[in-house]
Amino acid sequence: MTFREHFMNYHAEFEEIFDLTDEWNFSDDPCTLREFLGLTAEEEDIWISESDEALEQLLEKEREESQNRRD
């Protein structure tokens, strides 16, 4: 499972993204960081163009909306 899947299922805290980014940086994995983390192109753009906090807020909003649809 990717970081995004773990985060959306409440199995990961947002801060884990930094450890996984380091892991990707030191790996030989041919995929992009976005693919490695499971982020969408929009999420990656927000992370790059805005901030870590902006990505965290977006993911939390998506997670909450997803949870509300399940309830």
PDB file of N, CA and C in Angstrom:
ATOM      1  N   MET A   1       0.842  -1.188   0.000  1.00  0.00           N
ATOM      2  CA  MET A   1       0.000   0.000   0.000  1.00  0.00           C
ATOM      3  C   MET A   1       0.886   1.250   0.000  1.00  0.00           C
ATOM      4  N   THR A   2       0.374   2.276  -0.603  1.00  0.00           N
ATOM      5  CA  THR A   2       1.120   3.526  -0.663  1.00  0.00           C
ATOM      6  C   THR A   2       0.848   4.384   0.572  1.00  0.00           C
ATOM      7  N   PHE A   3       1.651   5.414   0.717  1.00  0.00           N
ATOM      8  CA  PHE A   3       1.427   6.358   1.806  1.00  0.00           C
ATOM      9  C   PHE A   3      -0.002   6.886   1.759  1.00  0.00           C
ATOM     10  N   ARG A   4      -0.450   7.285   0.573  1.00  0.00           N
ATOM     11  CA  ARG A   4      -1.788   7.880   0.443  1.00  0.00           C
ATOM     12  C   ARG A   4      -2.862   6.901   0.925  1.00  0.00           C
ATOM     13  N   GLU A   5      -2.752   5.648   0.525  1.00  0.00           N
ATOM     14  CA  GLU A   5      -3.728   4.648   0.956  1.00  0.00           C
ATOM     15  C   GLU A   5      -3.698   4.471   2.475  1.00  0.00           C
ATOM     16  N   HIS A   6      -2.507   4.403   3.043  1.00  0.00           N
ATOM     17  CA  HIS A   6      -2.391   4.286   4.499  1.00  0.00           C
ATOM     18  C   HIS A   6      -2.980   5.509   5.192  1.00  0.00           C
ATOM     19  N   PHE A   7      -2.668   6.683   4.685  1.00  0.00           N
ATOM     20  CA  PHE A   7      -3.165   7.914   5.295  1.00  0.00           C
ATOM     21  C   PHE A   7      -4.691   7.980   5.209  1.00  0.00           C
ATOM     22  N   MET A   8      -5.248   7.680   4.055  1.00  0.00           N
ATOM     23  CA  MET A   8      -6.699   7.759   3.870  1.00  0.00           C
ATOM     24  C   MET A   8      -7.447   6.765   4.745  1.00  0.00           C
ATOM     25  N   ASN A   9      -6.780   5.677   5.115  1.00  0.00           N
ATOM     26  CA  ASN A   9      -7.396   4.666   5.973  1.00  0.00           C
ATOM     27  C   ASN A   9      -7.015   4.819   7.442  1.00  0.00           C
ATOM     28  N   TYR A  10      -6.451   5.980   7.781  1.00  0.00           N
ATOM     29  CA  TYR A  10      -6.072   6.298   9.166  1.00  0.00           C
ATOM     30  C   TYR A  10      -5.007   5.348   9.711  1.00  0.00           C
ATOM     31  N   HIS A  11      -4.151   4.820   8.819  1.00  0.00           N
ATOM     32  CA  HIS A  11      -3.072   3.937   9.255  1.00  0.00           C
ATOM     33  C   HIS A  11      -1.716   4.634   9.235  1.00  0.00           C
ATOM     34  N   ALA A  12      -1.710   5.922   8.895  1.00  0.00           N
ATOM     35  CA  ALA A  12      -0.458   6.684   8.851  1.00  0.00           C
ATOM     36  C   ALA A  12      -0.743   8.133   9.204  1.00  0.00           C
ATOM     37  N   GLU A  13       0.215   8.734   9.867  1.00  0.00           N
ATOM     38  CA  GLU A  13       0.171  10.167  10.137  1.00  0.00           C
ATOM     39  C   GLU A  13       0.833  10.891   8.971  1.00  0.00           C
ATOM     40  N   PHE A  14       0.477  12.131   8.751  1.00  0.00           N
ATOM     41  CA  PHE A  14       1.031  12.864   7.621  1.00  0.00           C
ATOM     42  C   PHE A  14       2.550  12.936   7.684  1.00  0.00           C
ATOM     43  N   GLU A  15       3.131  13.068   8.858  1.00  0.00           N
ATOM     44  CA  GLU A  15       4.574  13.225   9.004  1.00  0.00           C
ATOM     45  C   GLU A  15       5.369  12.061   8.419  1.00  0.00           C
ATOM     46  N   GLU A  16       4.720  10.911   8.272  1.00  0.00           N
ATOM     47  CA  GLU A  16       5.401   9.748   7.704  1.00  0.00           C
ATOM     48  C   GLU A  16       5.824   9.981   6.258  1.00  0.00           C
ATOM     49  N   ILE A  17       5.199  10.955   5.605  1.00  0.00           N
ATOM     50  CA  ILE A  17       5.545  11.255   4.216  1.00  0.00           C
ATOM     51  C   ILE A  17       7.016  11.654   4.091  1.00  0.00           C
ATOM     52  N   PHE A  18       7.558  12.279   5.124  1.00  0.00           N
ATOM     53  CA  PHE A  18       8.947  12.736   5.078  1.00  0.00           C
ATOM     54  C   PHE A  18       9.926  11.558   5.148  1.00  0.00           C
ATOM     55  N   ASP A  19       9.637  10.586   5.987  1.00  0.00           N
ATOM     56  CA  ASP A  19      10.480   9.389   6.051  1.00  0.00           C
ATOM     57  C   ASP A  19      10.414   8.611   4.741  1.00  0.00           C
ATOM     58  N   LEU A  20       9.229   8.527   4.170  1.00  0.00           N
ATOM     59  CA  LEU A  20       9.078   7.808   2.906  1.00  0.00           C
ATOM     60  C   LEU A  20       9.765   8.537   1.760  1.00  0.00           C
ATOM     61  N   THR A  21       9.755   9.857   1.803  1.00  0.00           N
ATOM     62  CA  THR A  21      10.469  10.633   0.791  1.00  0.00           C
ATOM     63  C   THR A  21      11.963  10.348   0.882  1.00  0.00           C
ATOM     64  N   ASP A  22      12.485  10.302   2.101  1.00  0.00           N
ATOM     65  CA  ASP A  22      13.900   9.940   2.292  1.00  0.00           C
ATOM     66  C   ASP A  22      14.177   8.528   1.784  1.00  0.00           C
ATOM     67  N   GLU A  23      13.273   7.610   2.103  1.00  0.00           N
ATOM     68  CA  GLU A  23      13.432   6.226   1.653  1.00  0.00           C
ATOM     69  C   GLU A  23      13.495   6.178   0.123  1.00  0.00           C
ATOM     70  N   TRP A  24      12.610   6.901  -0.548  1.00  0.00           N
ATOM     71  CA  TRP A  24      12.596   6.935  -2.012  1.00  0.00           C
ATOM     72  C   TRP A  24      13.886   7.546  -2.555  1.00  0.00           C
ATOM     73  N   ASN A  25      14.356   8.630  -1.904  1.00  0.00           N
ATOM     74  CA  ASN A  25      15.580   9.293  -2.354  1.00  0.00           C
ATOM     75  C   ASN A  25      16.782   8.356  -2.356  1.00  0.00           C
ATOM     76  N   PHE A  26      16.827   7.425  -1.429  1.00  0.00           N
ATOM     77  CA  PHE A  26      17.978   6.528  -1.301  1.00  0.00           C
ATOM     78  C   PHE A  26      17.737   5.147  -1.913  1.00  0.00           C
ATOM     79  N   SER A  27      16.624   5.021  -2.634  1.00  0.00           N
ATOM     80  CA  SER A  27      16.316   3.726  -3.244  1.00  0.00           C
ATOM     81  C   SER A  27      16.650   3.745  -4.736  1.00  0.00           C
ATOM     82  N   ASP A  28      16.623   2.591  -5.321  1.00  0.00           N
ATOM     83  CA  ASP A  28      16.819   2.450  -6.763  1.00  0.00           C
ATOM     84  C   ASP A  28      15.481   2.295  -7.484  1.00  0.00           C
ATOM     85  N   ASP A  29      14.397   2.576  -6.784  1.00  0.00           N
ATOM     86  CA  ASP A  29      13.065   2.419  -7.360  1.00  0.00           C
ATOM     87  C   ASP A  29      12.913   3.341  -8.563  1.00  0.00           C
ATOM     88  N   PRO A  30      12.516   2.813  -9.715  1.00  0.00           N
ATOM     89  CA  PRO A  30      12.420   3.634 -10.919  1.00  0.00           C
ATOM     90  C   PRO A  30      11.172   4.531 -10.976  1.00  0.00           C
ATOM     91  N   CYS A  31      10.230   4.342 -10.074  1.00  0.00           N
ATOM     92  CA  CYS A  31       9.020   5.152 -10.132  1.00  0.00           C
ATOM     93  C   CYS A  31       9.283   6.560  -9.603  1.00  0.00           C
ATOM     94  N   THR A  32       8.386   7.458  -9.943  1.00  0.00           N
ATOM     95  CA  THR A  32       8.508   8.830  -9.455  1.00  0.00           C
ATOM     96  C   THR A  32       8.113   8.884  -7.983  1.00  0.00           C
ATOM     97  N   LEU A  33       8.472   9.957  -7.326  1.00  0.00           N
ATOM     98  CA  LEU A  33       8.074  10.125  -5.928  1.00  0.00           C
ATOM     99  C   LEU A  33       6.556  10.132  -5.810  1.00  0.00           C
ATOM    100  N   ARG A  34       5.889  10.802  -6.746  1.00  0.00           N
ATOM    101  CA  ARG A  34       4.415  10.846  -6.727  1.00  0.00           C
ATOM    102  C   ARG A  34       3.839   9.438  -6.778  1.00  0.00           C
ATOM    103  N   GLU A  35       4.372   8.602  -7.661  1.00  0.00           N
ATOM    104  CA  GLU A  35       3.900   7.222  -7.765  1.00  0.00           C
ATOM    105  C   GLU A  35       4.216   6.441  -6.490  1.00  0.00           C
ATOM    106  N   PHE A  36       5.418   6.622  -5.978  1.00  0.00           N
ATOM    107  CA  PHE A  36       5.855   5.928  -4.772  1.00  0.00           C
ATOM    108  C   PHE A  36       4.927   6.227  -3.593  1.00  0.00           C
ATOM    109  N   LEU A  37       4.518   7.495  -3.476  1.00  0.00           N
ATOM    110  CA  LEU A  37       3.649   7.909  -2.376  1.00  0.00           C
ATOM    111  C   LEU A  37       2.173   7.674  -2.665  1.00  0.00           C
ATOM    112  N   GLY A  38       1.840   7.488  -3.952  1.00  0.00           N
ATOM    113  CA  GLY A  38       0.450   7.269  -4.329  1.00  0.00           C
ATOM    114  C   GLY A  38      -0.353   8.549  -4.476  1.00  0.00           C
ATOM    115  N   LEU A  39       0.338   9.662  -4.635  1.00  0.00           N
ATOM    116  CA  LEU A  39      -0.351  10.943  -4.756  1.00  0.00           C
ATOM    117  C   LEU A  39      -0.889  11.134  -6.164  1.00  0.00           C
ATOM    118  N   THR A  40      -1.936  11.939  -6.284  1.00  0.00           N
ATOM    119  CA  THR A  40      -2.434  12.329  -7.594  1.00  0.00           C
ATOM    120  C   THR A  40      -1.568  13.472  -8.112  1.00  0.00           C
ATOM    121  N   ALA A  41      -1.696  13.774  -9.389  1.00  0.00           N
ATOM    122  CA  ALA A  41      -0.945  14.893  -9.971  1.00  0.00           C
ATOM    123  C   ALA A  41      -1.346  16.204  -9.299  1.00  0.00           C
ATOM    124  N   GLU A  42      -2.619  16.367  -9.008  1.00  0.00           N
ATOM    125  CA  GLU A  42      -3.089  17.586  -8.329  1.00  0.00           C
ATOM    126  C   GLU A  42      -2.464  17.720  -6.944  1.00  0.00           C
ATOM    127  N   GLU A  43      -2.430  16.631  -6.203  1.00  0.00           N
ATOM    128  CA  GLU A  43      -1.840  16.660  -4.861  1.00  0.00           C
ATOM    129  C   GLU A  43      -0.356  16.992  -4.926  1.00  0.00           C
ATOM    130  N   GLU A  44       0.331  16.404  -5.885  1.00  0.00           N
ATOM    131  CA  GLU A  44       1.753  16.693  -6.048  1.00  0.00           C
ATOM    132  C   GLU A  44       1.963  18.172  -6.387  1.00  0.00           C
ATOM    133  N   ASP A  45       1.149  18.711  -7.276  1.00  0.00           N
ATOM    134  CA  ASP A  45       1.262  20.122  -7.655  1.00  0.00           C
ATOM    135  C   ASP A  45       1.079  21.038  -6.450  1.00  0.00           C
ATOM    136  N   ILE A  46       0.105  20.733  -5.623  1.00  0.00           N
ATOM    137  CA  ILE A  46      -0.143  21.549  -4.421  1.00  0.00           C
ATOM    138  C   ILE A  46       1.043  21.456  -3.479  1.00  0.00           C
ATOM    139  N   TRP A  47       1.584  20.272  -3.314  1.00  0.00           N
ATOM    140  CA  TRP A  47       2.726  20.067  -2.428  1.00  0.00           C
ATOM    141  C   TRP A  47       3.920  20.880  -2.914  1.00  0.00           C
ATOM    142  N   ILE A  48       4.170  20.850  -4.222  1.00  0.00           N
ATOM    143  CA  ILE A  48       5.319  21.552  -4.787  1.00  0.00           C
ATOM    144  C   ILE A  48       5.102  23.058  -4.821  1.00  0.00           C
ATOM    145  N   SER A  49       3.944  23.487  -5.286  1.00  0.00           N
ATOM    146  CA  SER A  49       3.717  24.919  -5.499  1.00  0.00           C
ATOM    147  C   SER A  49       3.294  25.665  -4.243  1.00  0.00           C
ATOM    148  N   GLU A  50       2.733  24.950  -3.266  1.00  0.00           N
ATOM    149  CA  GLU A  50       2.270  25.634  -2.056  1.00  0.00           C
ATOM    150  C   GLU A  50       3.122  25.256  -0.843  1.00  0.00           C
ATOM    151  N   SER A  51       2.831  24.104  -0.238  1.00  0.00           N
ATOM    152  CA  SER A  51       3.574  23.735   0.971  1.00  0.00           C
ATOM    153  C   SER A  51       3.184  22.343   1.462  1.00  0.00           C
ATOM    154  N   ASP A  52       3.966  21.856   2.415  1.00  0.00           N
ATOM    155  CA  ASP A  52       3.623  20.602   3.093  1.00  0.00           C
ATOM    156  C   ASP A  52       2.257  20.729   3.752  1.00  0.00           C
ATOM    157  N   GLU A  53       2.037  21.864   4.394  1.00  0.00           N
ATOM    158  CA  GLU A  53       0.788  22.085   5.112  1.00  0.00           C
ATOM    159  C   GLU A  53      -0.412  22.078   4.172  1.00  0.00           C
ATOM    160  N   ALA A  54      -0.239  22.651   2.993  1.00  0.00           N
ATOM    161  CA  ALA A  54      -1.335  22.675   2.018  1.00  0.00           C
ATOM    162  C   ALA A  54      -1.683  21.254   1.581  1.00  0.00           C
ATOM    163  N   LEU A  55      -0.675  20.422   1.357  1.00  0.00           N
ATOM    164  CA  LEU A  55      -0.929  19.027   0.998  1.00  0.00           C
ATOM    165  C   LEU A  55      -1.615  18.305   2.146  1.00  0.00           C
ATOM    166  N   GLU A  56      -1.139  18.507   3.338  1.00  0.00           N
ATOM    167  CA  GLU A  56      -1.751  17.853   4.497  1.00  0.00           C
ATOM    168  C   GLU A  56      -3.215  18.247   4.627  1.00  0.00           C
ATOM    169  N   GLN A  57      -3.516  19.512   4.479  1.00  0.00           N
ATOM    170  CA  GLN A  57      -4.902  19.972   4.572  1.00  0.00           C
ATOM    171  C   GLN A  57      -5.768  19.348   3.479  1.00  0.00           C
ATOM    172  N   LEU A  58      -5.239  19.279   2.268  1.00  0.00           N
ATOM    173  CA  LEU A  58      -5.986  18.678   1.163  1.00  0.00           C
ATOM    174  C   LEU A  58      -6.268  17.208   1.430  1.00  0.00           C
ATOM    175  N   LEU A  59      -5.244  16.474   1.857  1.00  0.00           N
ATOM    176  CA  LEU A  59      -5.432  15.047   2.129  1.00  0.00           C
ATOM    177  C   LEU A  59      -6.405  14.823   3.282  1.00  0.00           C
ATOM    178  N   GLU A  60      -6.318  15.643   4.310  1.00  0.00           N
ATOM    179  CA  GLU A  60      -7.250  15.507   5.432  1.00  0.00           C
ATOM    180  C   GLU A  60      -8.681  15.779   4.988  1.00  0.00           C
ATOM    181  N   LYS A  61      -8.854  16.772   4.123  1.00  0.00           N
ATOM    182  CA  LYS A  61     -10.190  17.085   3.606  1.00  0.00           C
ATOM    183  C   LYS A  61     -10.720  15.917   2.779  1.00  0.00           C
ATOM    184  N   GLU A  62      -9.886  15.360   1.911  1.00  0.00           N
ATOM    185  CA  GLU A  62     -10.287  14.218   1.095  1.00  0.00           C
ATOM    186  C   GLU A  62     -10.624  13.011   1.972  1.00  0.00           C
ATOM    187  N   ARG A  63      -9.825  12.808   3.006  1.00  0.00           N
ATOM    188  CA  ARG A  63     -10.059  11.678   3.909  1.00  0.00           C
ATOM    189  C   ARG A  63     -11.380  11.839   4.642  1.00  0.00           C
ATOM    190  N   GLU A  64     -11.652  13.047   5.100  1.00  0.00           N
ATOM    191  CA  GLU A  64     -12.902  13.320   5.808  1.00  0.00           C
ATOM    192  C   GLU A  64     -14.105  13.140   4.879  1.00  0.00           C
ATOM    193  N   GLU A  65     -14.004  13.658   3.662  1.00  0.00           N
ATOM    194  CA  GLU A  65     -15.091  13.513   2.695  1.00  0.00           C
ATOM    195  C   GLU A  65     -15.335  12.064   2.353  1.00  0.00           C
ATOM    196  N   SER A  66     -14.263  11.295   2.214  1.00  0.00           N
ATOM    197  CA  SER A  66     -14.380   9.878   1.932  1.00  0.00           C
ATOM    198  C   SER A  66     -15.056   9.144   3.085  1.00  0.00           C
ATOM    199  N   GLN A  67     -14.679   9.500   4.292  1.00  0.00           N
ATOM    200  CA  GLN A  67     -15.274   8.889   5.480  1.00  0.00           C
ATOM    201  C   GLN A  67     -16.757   9.224   5.556  1.00  0.00           C
ATOM    202  N   ASN A  68     -17.116  10.462   5.259  1.00  0.00           N
ATOM    203  CA  ASN A  68     -18.525  10.870   5.305  1.00  0.00           C
ATOM    204  C   ASN A  68     -19.366  10.130   4.274  1.00  0.00           C
ATOM    205  N   ARG A  69     -18.787   9.835   3.113  1.00  0.00           N
ATOM    206  CA  ARG A  69     -19.518   9.075   2.086  1.00  0.00           C
ATOM    207  C   ARG A  69     -19.767   7.651   2.529  1.00  0.00           C
ATOM    208  N   ARG A  70     -18.856   7.100   3.343  1.00  0.00           N
ATOM    209  CA  ARG A  70     -19.013   5.727   3.833  1.00  0.00           C
ATOM    210  C   ARG A  70     -20.056   5.623   4.944  1.00  0.00           C
ATOM    211  N   ASP A  71     -20.201   6.700   5.695  1.00  0.00           N
ATOM    212  CA  ASP A  71     -21.141   6.678   6.842  1.00  0.00           C
ATOM    213  C   ASP A  71     -22.579   6.778   6.428  1.00  0.00           C
TER     214      ASP A  71
END
